Amino acid sequence: MHSKKLRTLSALLLALAYFAIKPHPAFAKDYSFPKVSFKVWLQEDGSAKVEEKRTFDFDGSFSWAEEWIPIKDPATKITNVTIASDEGPYSLNQTNSAQTYTVLNEGEKIHLKWFYQASNTQKTFTISYTIEKAVGIHQDIAEFYYQFICDEWKKC
């Protein structure tokens, strides 16, 4: 009888050890950008109107995204920020509910955060804004230099 209990206990310990060291599937989520495009319209007043379209490919469930728009020159301002998706325009407010967004000026960058529902799908977001004083005007030339992708993004 004692031998039977010992075998049962040994089998139980062996099973526990097996499950403790056996790799378990990870349920990680991730996203990528299969398509990113930018359109920029330079204005006579030296500003630039920007339209970004970012297609996210979601693997898993997601409810928000964020972006930082760098401000390289203290004279430059980012204005007229709007965000939309295939479902329509988002509302600027602090509720953190689907189809809303926030804009926070952090001095050297503008922090955008928007909210939605997406799971194992692709979703395209349109981020539009104006860069005030984007064109540098000199005596003999005017120049526009701005890095739109990969400067402040964790993924490109």
C-alpha atoms as a PDB file:
ATOM      1  CA  MET A   1       0.000   0.000   0.000  1.00  0.00           C
ATOM      2  CA  HIS A   2       2.840   2.371   0.897  1.00  0.00           C
ATOM      3  CA  SER A   3       4.469   1.654  -2.482  1.00  0.00           C
ATOM      4  CA  LYS A   4       1.258   2.576  -4.336  1.00  0.00           C
ATOM      5  CA  LYS A   5       1.063   5.974  -2.562  1.00  0.00           C
ATOM      6  CA  LEU A   6       4.738   6.587  -3.343  1.00  0.00           C
ATOM      7  CA  ARG A   7       4.184   5.796  -7.045  1.00  0.00           C
ATOM      8  CA  THR A   8       1.109   8.072  -7.150  1.00  0.00           C
ATOM      9  CA  LEU A   9       3.018  10.882  -5.447  1.00  0.00           C
ATOM     10  CA  SER A  10       5.986  10.378  -7.777  1.00  0.00           C
ATOM     11  CA  ALA A  11       3.713  10.471 -10.837  1.00  0.00           C
ATOM     12  CA  LEU A  12       2.054  13.643  -9.570  1.00  0.00           C
ATOM     13  CA  LEU A  13       5.410  15.341  -8.926  1.00  0.00           C
ATOM     14  CA  LEU A  14       6.654  14.264 -12.347  1.00  0.00           C
ATOM     15  CA  ALA A  15       3.522  15.693 -14.005  1.00  0.00           C
ATOM     16  CA  LEU A  16       3.902  18.969 -12.097  1.00  0.00           C
ATOM     17  CA  ALA A  17       7.576  19.197 -13.086  1.00  0.00           C
ATOM     18  CA  TYR A  18       6.669  18.562 -16.736  1.00  0.00           C
ATOM     19  CA  PHE A  19       4.069  21.338 -16.821  1.00  0.00           C
ATOM     20  CA  ALA A  20       6.368  23.692 -14.921  1.00  0.00           C
ATOM     21  CA  ILE A  21       9.151  23.443 -17.526  1.00  0.00           C
ATOM     22  CA  LYS A  22       7.093  22.858 -20.679  1.00  0.00           C
ATOM     23  CA  PRO A  23       6.924  26.015 -22.814  1.00  0.00           C
ATOM     24  CA  HIS A  24       3.459  27.519 -22.865  1.00  0.00           C
ATOM     25  CA  PRO A  25       2.103  29.426 -25.856  1.00  0.00           C
ATOM     26  CA  ALA A  26       2.402  33.178 -25.467  1.00  0.00           C
ATOM     27  CA  PHE A  27      -0.576  35.252 -26.388  1.00  0.00           C
ATOM     28  CA  ALA A  28       1.408  38.307 -27.456  1.00  0.00           C
ATOM     29  CA  LYS A  29      -0.072  41.096 -29.462  1.00  0.00           C
ATOM     30  CA  ASP A  30       1.720  43.241 -31.991  1.00  0.00           C
ATOM     31  CA  TYR A  31       1.133  45.670 -34.825  1.00  0.00           C
ATOM     32  CA  SER A  32       2.926  46.813 -37.954  1.00  0.00           C
ATOM     33  CA  PHE A  33       2.563  49.515 -40.603  1.00  0.00           C
ATOM     34  CA  PRO A  34       2.045  47.902 -44.020  1.00  0.00           C
ATOM     35  CA  LYS A  35       1.411  51.336 -45.536  1.00  0.00           C
ATOM     36  CA  VAL A  36       2.294  54.901 -44.538  1.00  0.00           C
ATOM     37  CA  SER A  37       1.855  57.959 -46.746  1.00  0.00           C
ATOM     38  CA  PHE A  38       2.313  61.694 -46.338  1.00  0.00           C
ATOM     39  CA  LYS A  39       0.993  64.623 -48.324  1.00  0.00           C
ATOM     40  CA  VAL A  40       2.343  68.105 -47.648  1.00  0.00           C
ATOM     41  CA  TRP A  41       1.000  71.358 -49.070  1.00  0.00           C
ATOM     42  CA  LEU A  42       3.334  74.343 -48.611  1.00  0.00           C
ATOM     43  CA  GLN A  43       1.367  77.565 -48.122  1.00  0.00           C
ATOM     44  CA  GLU A  44       2.260  81.108 -49.149  1.00  0.00           C
ATOM     45  CA  ASP A  45       2.396  82.161 -45.486  1.00  0.00           C
ATOM     46  CA  GLY A  46       5.245  79.672 -44.843  1.00  0.00           C
ATOM     47  CA  SER A  47       3.099  77.047 -43.150  1.00  0.00           C
ATOM     48  CA  ALA A  48       2.709  73.433 -44.250  1.00  0.00           C
ATOM     49  CA  LYS A  49      -0.526  71.470 -44.216  1.00  0.00           C
ATOM     50  CA  VAL A  50       0.207  67.799 -43.549  1.00  0.00           C
ATOM     51  CA  GLU A  51      -1.923  64.704 -44.054  1.00  0.00           C
ATOM     52  CA  GLU A  52      -0.571  61.389 -42.767  1.00  0.00           C
ATOM     53  CA  LYS A  53      -2.283  58.101 -43.531  1.00  0.00           C
ATOM     54  CA  ARG A  54      -1.088  55.219 -41.383  1.00  0.00           C
ATOM     55  CA  THR A  55      -2.437  51.742 -41.934  1.00  0.00           C
ATOM     56  CA  PHE A  56      -2.022  49.584 -38.851  1.00  0.00           C
ATOM     57  CA  ASP A  57      -2.078  45.794 -39.115  1.00  0.00           C
ATOM     58  CA  PHE A  58      -3.229  44.618 -35.695  1.00  0.00           C
ATOM     59  CA  ASP A  59      -2.424  41.159 -34.349  1.00  0.00           C
ATOM     60  CA  GLY A  60      -4.470  41.058 -31.161  1.00  0.00           C
ATOM     61  CA  SER A  61      -6.837  43.528 -29.554  1.00  0.00           C
ATOM     62  CA  PHE A  62      -5.943  47.243 -29.401  1.00  0.00           C
ATOM     63  CA  SER A  63      -7.791  50.318 -28.176  1.00  0.00           C
ATOM     64  CA  TRP A  64      -5.404  53.290 -28.545  1.00  0.00           C
ATOM     65  CA  ALA A  65      -2.381  54.613 -30.425  1.00  0.00           C
ATOM     66  CA  GLU A  66      -0.103  57.591 -30.008  1.00  0.00           C
ATOM     67  CA  GLU A  67       2.240  59.747 -32.020  1.00  0.00           C
ATOM     68  CA  TRP A  68       4.723  62.499 -31.223  1.00  0.00           C
ATOM     69  CA  ILE A  69       5.192  65.345 -33.656  1.00  0.00           C
ATOM     70  CA  PRO A  70       8.572  66.977 -33.025  1.00  0.00           C
ATOM     71  CA  ILE A  71       8.912  70.753 -32.804  1.00  0.00           C
ATOM     72  CA  LYS A  72      12.484  71.543 -33.847  1.00  0.00           C
ATOM     73  CA  ASP A  73      12.226  75.340 -33.652  1.00  0.00           C
ATOM     74  CA  PRO A  74      10.544  77.247 -30.802  1.00  0.00           C
ATOM     75  CA  ALA A  75       8.934  79.560 -33.402  1.00  0.00           C
ATOM     76  CA  THR A  76       7.170  76.571 -34.987  1.00  0.00           C
ATOM     77  CA  LYS A  77       3.679  75.637 -33.855  1.00  0.00           C
ATOM     78  CA  ILE A  78       1.492  72.644 -34.675  1.00  0.00           C
ATOM     79  CA  THR A  79      -2.156  73.652 -35.133  1.00  0.00           C
ATOM     80  CA  ASN A  80      -5.420  72.362 -36.602  1.00  0.00           C
ATOM     81  CA  VAL A  81      -4.843  68.749 -35.531  1.00  0.00           C
ATOM     82  CA  THR A  82      -7.546  66.308 -36.612  1.00  0.00           C
ATOM     83  CA  ILE A  83      -7.739  62.515 -36.584  1.00  0.00           C
ATOM     84  CA  ALA A  84     -10.094  60.244 -38.510  1.00  0.00           C
ATOM     85  CA  SER A  85     -10.401  56.613 -39.533  1.00  0.00           C
ATOM     86  CA  ASP A  86     -12.526  54.651 -41.971  1.00  0.00           C
ATOM     87  CA  GLU A  87     -15.411  55.077 -39.479  1.00  0.00           C
ATOM     88  CA  GLY A  88     -15.229  58.881 -39.730  1.00  0.00           C
ATOM     89  CA  PRO A  89     -13.760  61.842 -37.826  1.00  0.00           C
ATOM     90  CA  TYR A  90     -12.689  61.590 -34.208  1.00  0.00           C
ATOM     91  CA  SER A  91     -13.654  64.121 -31.514  1.00  0.00           C
ATOM     92  CA  LEU A  92     -11.081  66.094 -29.562  1.00  0.00           C
ATOM     93  CA  ASN A  93     -11.848  65.416 -25.876  1.00  0.00           C
ATOM     94  CA  GLN A  94     -10.481  63.795 -22.730  1.00  0.00           C
ATOM     95  CA  THR A  95     -12.952  60.891 -22.396  1.00  0.00           C
ATOM     96  CA  ASN A  96     -10.579  58.223 -23.790  1.00  0.00           C
ATOM     97  CA  SER A  97     -13.550  56.580 -25.485  1.00  0.00           C
ATOM     98  CA  ALA A  98     -13.592  55.194 -29.030  1.00  0.00           C
ATOM     99  CA  GLN A  99     -13.302  57.778 -31.813  1.00  0.00           C
ATOM    100  CA  THR A 100     -11.805  60.455 -29.558  1.00  0.00           C
ATOM    101  CA  TYR A 101      -8.307  61.923 -29.364  1.00  0.00           C
ATOM    102  CA  THR A 102      -6.181  64.189 -27.205  1.00  0.00           C
ATOM    103  CA  VAL A 103      -3.466  66.701 -28.094  1.00  0.00           C
ATOM    104  CA  LEU A 104      -0.857  67.682 -25.527  1.00  0.00           C
ATOM    105  CA  ASN A 105       1.852  70.276 -26.183  1.00  0.00           C
ATOM    106  CA  GLU A 106       5.003  69.100 -24.411  1.00  0.00           C
ATOM    107  CA  GLY A 107       7.239  71.967 -25.570  1.00  0.00           C
ATOM    108  CA  GLU A 108       9.591  70.131 -27.940  1.00  0.00           C
ATOM    109  CA  LYS A 109       6.863  67.870 -29.262  1.00  0.00           C
ATOM    110  CA  ILE A 110       3.130  67.463 -29.610  1.00  0.00           C
ATOM    111  CA  HIS A 111       1.756  64.248 -28.143  1.00  0.00           C
ATOM    112  CA  LEU A 112      -1.306  62.812 -29.926  1.00  0.00           C
ATOM    113  CA  LYS A 113      -3.273  59.893 -28.515  1.00  0.00           C
ATOM    114  CA  TRP A 114      -6.396  58.436 -30.085  1.00  0.00           C
ATOM    115  CA  PHE A 115      -8.832  55.727 -29.078  1.00  0.00           C
ATOM    116  CA  TYR A 116     -10.627  53.029 -31.075  1.00  0.00           C
ATOM    117  CA  GLN A 117     -11.464  49.325 -31.029  1.00  0.00           C
ATOM    118  CA  ALA A 118      -9.523  46.937 -33.291  1.00  0.00           C
ATOM    119  CA  SER A 119      -8.783  43.229 -33.121  1.00  0.00           C
ATOM    120  CA  ASN A 120      -6.882  41.153 -35.694  1.00  0.00           C
ATOM    121  CA  THR A 121      -7.609  43.596 -38.510  1.00  0.00           C
ATOM    122  CA  GLN A 122      -6.185  46.475 -40.511  1.00  0.00           C
ATOM    123  CA  LYS A 123      -7.254  50.028 -39.794  1.00  0.00           C
ATOM    124  CA  THR A 124      -6.170  53.250 -41.493  1.00  0.00           C
ATOM    125  CA  PHE A 125      -5.939  56.501 -39.539  1.00  0.00           C
ATOM    126  CA  THR A 126      -5.643  59.951 -41.104  1.00  0.00           C
ATOM    127  CA  ILE A 127      -3.767  62.477 -38.991  1.00  0.00           C
ATOM    128  CA  SER A 128      -3.900  66.042 -40.320  1.00  0.00           C
ATOM    129  CA  TYR A 129      -2.234  69.153 -38.938  1.00  0.00           C
ATOM    130  CA  THR A 130      -0.607  72.447 -39.867  1.00  0.00           C
ATOM    131  CA  ILE A 131       3.021  73.271 -39.151  1.00  0.00           C
ATOM    132  CA  GLU A 132       3.189  77.047 -38.668  1.00  0.00           C
ATOM    133  CA  LYS A 133       6.437  78.722 -39.830  1.00  0.00           C
ATOM    134  CA  ALA A 134       7.539  75.475 -41.490  1.00  0.00           C
ATOM    135  CA  VAL A 135       9.330  77.160 -44.392  1.00  0.00           C
ATOM    136  CA  GLY A 136      12.586  78.915 -43.600  1.00  0.00           C
ATOM    137  CA  ILE A 137      12.850  82.056 -45.704  1.00  0.00           C
ATOM    138  CA  HIS A 138      16.316  83.415 -46.355  1.00  0.00           C
ATOM    139  CA  GLN A 139      17.642  86.186 -48.565  1.00  0.00           C
ATOM    140  CA  ASP A 140      18.260  83.947 -51.570  1.00  0.00           C
ATOM    141  CA  ILE A 141      16.275  80.742 -50.861  1.00  0.00           C
ATOM    142  CA  ALA A 142      13.346  79.284 -49.014  1.00  0.00           C
ATOM    143  CA  GLU A 143      13.694  75.825 -47.491  1.00  0.00           C
ATOM    144  CA  PHE A 144      11.430  73.205 -46.022  1.00  0.00           C
ATOM    145  CA  TYR A 145      13.028  70.417 -44.015  1.00  0.00           C
ATOM    146  CA  TYR A 146      11.033  68.077 -41.841  1.00  0.00           C
ATOM    147  CA  GLN A 147      11.519  64.428 -40.891  1.00  0.00           C
ATOM    148  CA  PHE A 148       8.073  62.857 -40.955  1.00  0.00           C
ATOM    149  CA  ILE A 149       8.809  59.233 -40.222  1.00  0.00           C
ATOM    150  CA  CYS A 150      10.921  57.388 -37.653  1.00  0.00           C
ATOM    151  CA  ASP A 151      12.022  60.406 -35.637  1.00  0.00           C
ATOM    152  CA  GLU A 152       9.822  59.881 -32.581  1.00  0.00           C
ATOM    153  CA  TRP A 153       8.119  56.568 -33.492  1.00  0.00           C
ATOM    154  CA  LYS A 154       8.879  53.250 -31.789  1.00  0.00           C
ATOM    155  CA  LYS A 155       7.964  51.476 -35.028  1.00  0.00           C
ATOM    156  CA  CYS A 156       8.265  52.771 -38.564  1.00  0.00           C
END
